[in-house]
Amino acid sequence: MRVLVACEYSGTVRDAFRAKGHDAWSCDLLPTDADSAWHYEGNVFDIIMDDWDLMVAHPPCTHLSVSGARHFAAKRADGRQQAALDFVRKLLDAPIDKIALENPISIISSQIRKPDQIIQPWQFGHGETKATCLWLKNLPALLPTNIVDGREARIHKLPPSADRWKIRSTTYQGIANAMADQWGTT
């Protein structure tokens, strides 16, 4: 299966699919933090028309997530929020048979459509909370693989740092593995 992981610099989801034998590629405007042999550094719309079977998209949540709601008025006024929503719509409308788009609780739910599923890291082996919405096209909901105790909001409580945004945006390994295990066979 050819898999495009859009807006992923970390390579976490890409590498989970590659470990299962898929031809998986990540794409981001940023260089990858992992092996760059399977990373396209550039605009996802440069390669979205290639022959992909599945796309897992992680659009930036900066102008969408309700955790930043106090800034919404400014983001609406200067067009940043609308541009982010337009980007999400283009990803969801891509001519790819199977699509999963993930984002935290955000205005995608009210401006485009409600998510098909909301997952938590603690359902996939990580004792943490971080509600993650999934908008799915021709894919089943992810089934939990390893429900654990803990329920710590570690990501939410991260102190300010230069790489805080990177830590917050990296997909949990257990979730990436579940995507590859469950969607790599559809």
Protein backbone atom coordinates (compact mmCIF):
# COMPACT_ATOMS: atom_id res chain seq x y z
CA MET A 1 0.00 0.00 0.00
CA ARG A 2 1.25 3.51 -0.83
CA VAL A 3 0.79 5.76 2.20
CA LEU A 4 1.21 9.52 2.37
CA VAL A 5 1.62 10.98 5.85
CA ALA A 6 0.94 14.67 5.33
CA CYS A 7 2.26 17.38 7.64
CA GLU A 8 4.54 15.03 9.55
CA TYR A 9 8.14 16.03 10.27
CA SER A 10 8.75 13.34 12.95
CA GLY A 11 8.38 10.24 10.76
CA THR A 12 6.54 8.40 13.56
CA VAL A 13 3.45 7.40 11.56
CA ARG A 14 5.43 6.95 8.34
CA ASP A 15 7.88 4.60 10.04
CA ALA A 16 5.07 2.57 11.65
CA PHE A 17 3.64 1.91 8.18
CA ARG A 18 7.10 1.20 6.72
CA ALA A 19 7.71 -1.34 9.50
CA LYS A 20 4.63 -3.19 8.20
CA GLY A 21 6.06 -3.28 4.65
CA HIS A 22 4.17 -0.34 3.14
CA ASP A 23 5.61 2.25 0.76
CA ALA A 24 5.05 5.11 3.19
CA TRP A 25 6.26 8.68 2.80
CA SER A 26 6.06 11.67 5.10
CA CYS A 27 5.69 15.20 3.79
CA ASP A 28 6.17 18.48 5.57
CA LEU A 29 7.48 21.97 4.95
CA LEU A 30 10.04 21.16 7.65
CA PRO A 31 12.91 18.69 7.36
CA THR A 32 12.24 15.37 9.03
CA ASP A 33 13.64 14.44 12.43
CA ALA A 34 14.04 10.85 11.22
CA ASP A 35 15.47 9.12 8.15
CA SER A 36 15.02 11.53 5.25
CA ALA A 37 15.07 8.83 2.55
CA TRP A 38 11.25 8.65 2.71
CA HIS A 39 10.45 12.28 3.41
CA TYR A 40 9.35 14.92 0.94
CA GLU A 41 10.25 18.37 2.24
CA GLY A 42 7.78 20.72 0.61
CA ASN A 43 4.13 21.45 -0.01
CA VAL A 44 1.90 18.37 0.27
CA PHE A 45 -0.08 19.56 -2.75
CA ASP A 46 3.04 19.09 -4.89
CA ILE A 47 2.69 15.31 -4.44
CA ILE A 48 -0.92 14.73 -3.40
CA MET A 49 -1.93 13.75 -6.95
CA ASP A 50 0.56 10.86 -6.98
CA ASP A 51 -0.92 7.37 -6.73
CA TRP A 52 -1.63 7.09 -2.96
CA ASP A 53 -3.89 4.45 -1.41
CA LEU A 54 -4.08 6.11 2.01
CA MET A 55 -3.32 9.51 3.45
CA VAL A 56 -2.93 10.21 7.16
CA ALA A 57 -2.91 13.99 7.53
CA HIS A 58 -1.81 16.02 10.53
CA PRO A 59 -2.59 19.64 9.55
CA PRO A 60 -1.17 22.28 11.89
CA CYS A 61 -3.59 23.03 14.71
CA THR A 62 -2.19 26.46 15.61
CA HIS A 63 -5.16 28.39 14.22
CA LEU A 64 -7.78 25.66 14.78
CA SER A 65 -7.44 24.15 18.24
CA VAL A 66 -9.86 25.31 20.91
CA SER A 67 -6.95 25.45 23.36
CA GLY A 68 -6.10 28.75 21.63
CA ALA A 69 -9.67 30.06 21.54
CA ARG A 70 -8.69 33.31 23.24
CA HIS A 71 -6.85 34.23 20.02
CA PHE A 72 -9.67 33.28 17.61
CA ALA A 73 -10.93 36.84 17.05
CA ALA A 74 -7.53 38.02 15.82
CA LYS A 75 -7.04 34.88 13.72
CA ARG A 76 -10.44 35.34 12.09
CA ALA A 77 -9.80 39.02 11.45
CA ASP A 78 -6.47 38.51 9.69
CA GLY A 79 -7.52 35.40 7.75
CA ARG A 80 -5.23 32.85 9.43
CA GLN A 81 -8.12 30.76 10.71
CA GLN A 82 -9.90 30.70 7.35
CA ALA A 83 -6.67 29.72 5.59
CA ALA A 84 -6.21 26.85 8.06
CA LEU A 85 -9.78 25.66 7.47
CA ASP A 86 -9.33 25.89 3.70
CA PHE A 87 -6.18 23.76 4.01
CA VAL A 88 -8.12 21.12 5.99
CA ARG A 89 -10.90 21.08 3.38
CA LYS A 90 -8.37 20.57 0.57
CA LEU A 91 -6.81 17.65 2.44
CA LEU A 92 -10.20 16.04 3.10
CA ASP A 93 -11.18 16.52 -0.56
CA ALA A 94 -7.96 14.97 -1.91
CA PRO A 95 -8.49 12.30 -4.59
CA ILE A 96 -7.25 9.53 -2.30
CA ASP A 97 -9.49 6.56 -1.52
CA LYS A 98 -8.72 6.35 2.20
CA ILE A 99 -8.08 9.42 4.35
CA ALA A 100 -7.59 9.98 8.07
CA LEU A 101 -7.19 13.55 9.26
CA GLU A 102 -6.21 14.10 12.89
CA ASN A 103 -6.35 17.21 15.01
CA PRO A 104 -7.09 18.08 18.63
CA ILE A 105 -10.50 19.35 19.65
CA SER A 106 -10.91 22.21 17.22
CA ILE A 107 -13.20 24.37 15.14
CA ILE A 108 -13.02 21.78 12.36
CA SER A 109 -15.94 20.18 14.22
CA SER A 110 -18.15 23.25 13.90
CA GLN A 111 -16.90 24.70 10.61
CA ILE A 112 -16.47 21.56 8.47
CA ARG A 113 -17.95 18.51 10.22
CA LYS A 114 -17.85 16.57 13.45
CA PRO A 115 -15.06 14.00 13.82
CA ASP A 116 -15.79 10.32 13.26
CA GLN A 117 -13.85 9.38 16.38
CA ILE A 118 -12.05 10.88 19.37
CA ILE A 119 -9.16 8.85 20.76
CA GLN A 120 -6.86 9.18 23.78
CA PRO A 121 -3.21 8.07 24.19
CA TRP A 122 -4.19 5.93 27.22
CA GLN A 123 -6.18 3.70 24.84
CA PHE A 124 -2.94 2.85 23.01
CA GLY A 125 -0.42 2.20 25.78
CA HIS A 126 0.44 5.73 26.96
CA GLY A 127 -0.76 6.79 30.42
CA GLU A 128 -1.68 10.27 29.28
CA THR A 129 -4.64 12.31 28.15
CA LYS A 130 -4.73 14.26 24.91
CA ALA A 131 -8.06 14.11 23.09
CA THR A 132 -7.37 13.59 19.40
CA CYS A 133 -10.12 13.80 16.79
CA LEU A 134 -10.11 11.67 13.65
CA TRP A 135 -12.03 12.54 10.50
CA LEU A 136 -12.17 9.36 8.41
CA LYS A 137 -12.92 8.55 4.78
CA ASN A 138 -13.31 4.85 3.90
CA LEU A 139 -11.51 3.79 7.08
CA PRO A 140 -12.80 2.10 10.23
CA ALA A 141 -12.52 3.71 13.64
CA LEU A 142 -9.33 2.77 15.47
CA LEU A 143 -9.83 0.09 18.08
CA PRO A 144 -7.96 0.56 21.37
CA THR A 145 -4.92 -1.71 21.59
CA ASN A 146 -3.63 -1.28 25.15
CA ILE A 147 -5.76 0.57 27.69
CA VAL A 148 -3.55 1.74 30.55
CA ASP A 149 -3.92 3.68 33.77
CA GLY A 150 -2.33 7.05 34.33
CA ARG A 151 -4.48 9.64 32.65
CA GLU A 152 -1.87 12.38 33.11
CA ALA A 153 -2.18 15.56 31.03
CA ARG A 154 1.61 15.69 30.50
CA ILE A 155 1.50 17.34 27.07
CA HIS A 156 -0.86 20.07 28.29
CA LYS A 157 1.41 20.81 31.24
CA LEU A 158 4.67 21.08 29.30
CA PRO A 159 6.63 24.16 30.33
CA PRO A 160 7.60 26.72 27.69
CA SER A 161 10.63 25.67 25.64
CA ALA A 162 12.06 26.05 22.14
CA ASP A 163 10.83 22.59 21.11
CA ARG A 164 7.52 22.48 23.03
CA TRP A 165 5.56 22.68 19.77
CA LYS A 166 7.47 19.67 18.38
CA ILE A 167 6.81 17.55 21.45
CA ARG A 168 3.12 18.50 21.42
CA SER A 169 2.70 17.68 17.72
CA THR A 170 4.43 14.28 17.63
CA THR A 171 2.07 11.31 17.32
CA TYR A 172 2.26 8.81 20.16
CA GLN A 173 3.97 5.61 19.03
CA GLY A 174 1.08 3.42 20.20
CA ILE A 175 -1.38 5.40 18.08
CA ALA A 176 0.95 5.28 15.06
CA ASN A 177 1.30 1.51 15.45
CA ALA A 178 -2.48 1.09 15.70
CA MET A 179 -2.93 3.11 12.50
CA ALA A 180 -0.43 0.93 10.65
CA ASP A 181 -1.80 -2.33 12.08
CA GLN A 182 -5.48 -1.54 11.53
CA TRP A 183 -5.54 0.71 8.47
CA GLY A 184 -2.66 -0.99 6.68
CA THR A 185 -4.86 -4.01 6.06
CA THR A 186 -8.00 -2.25 4.81
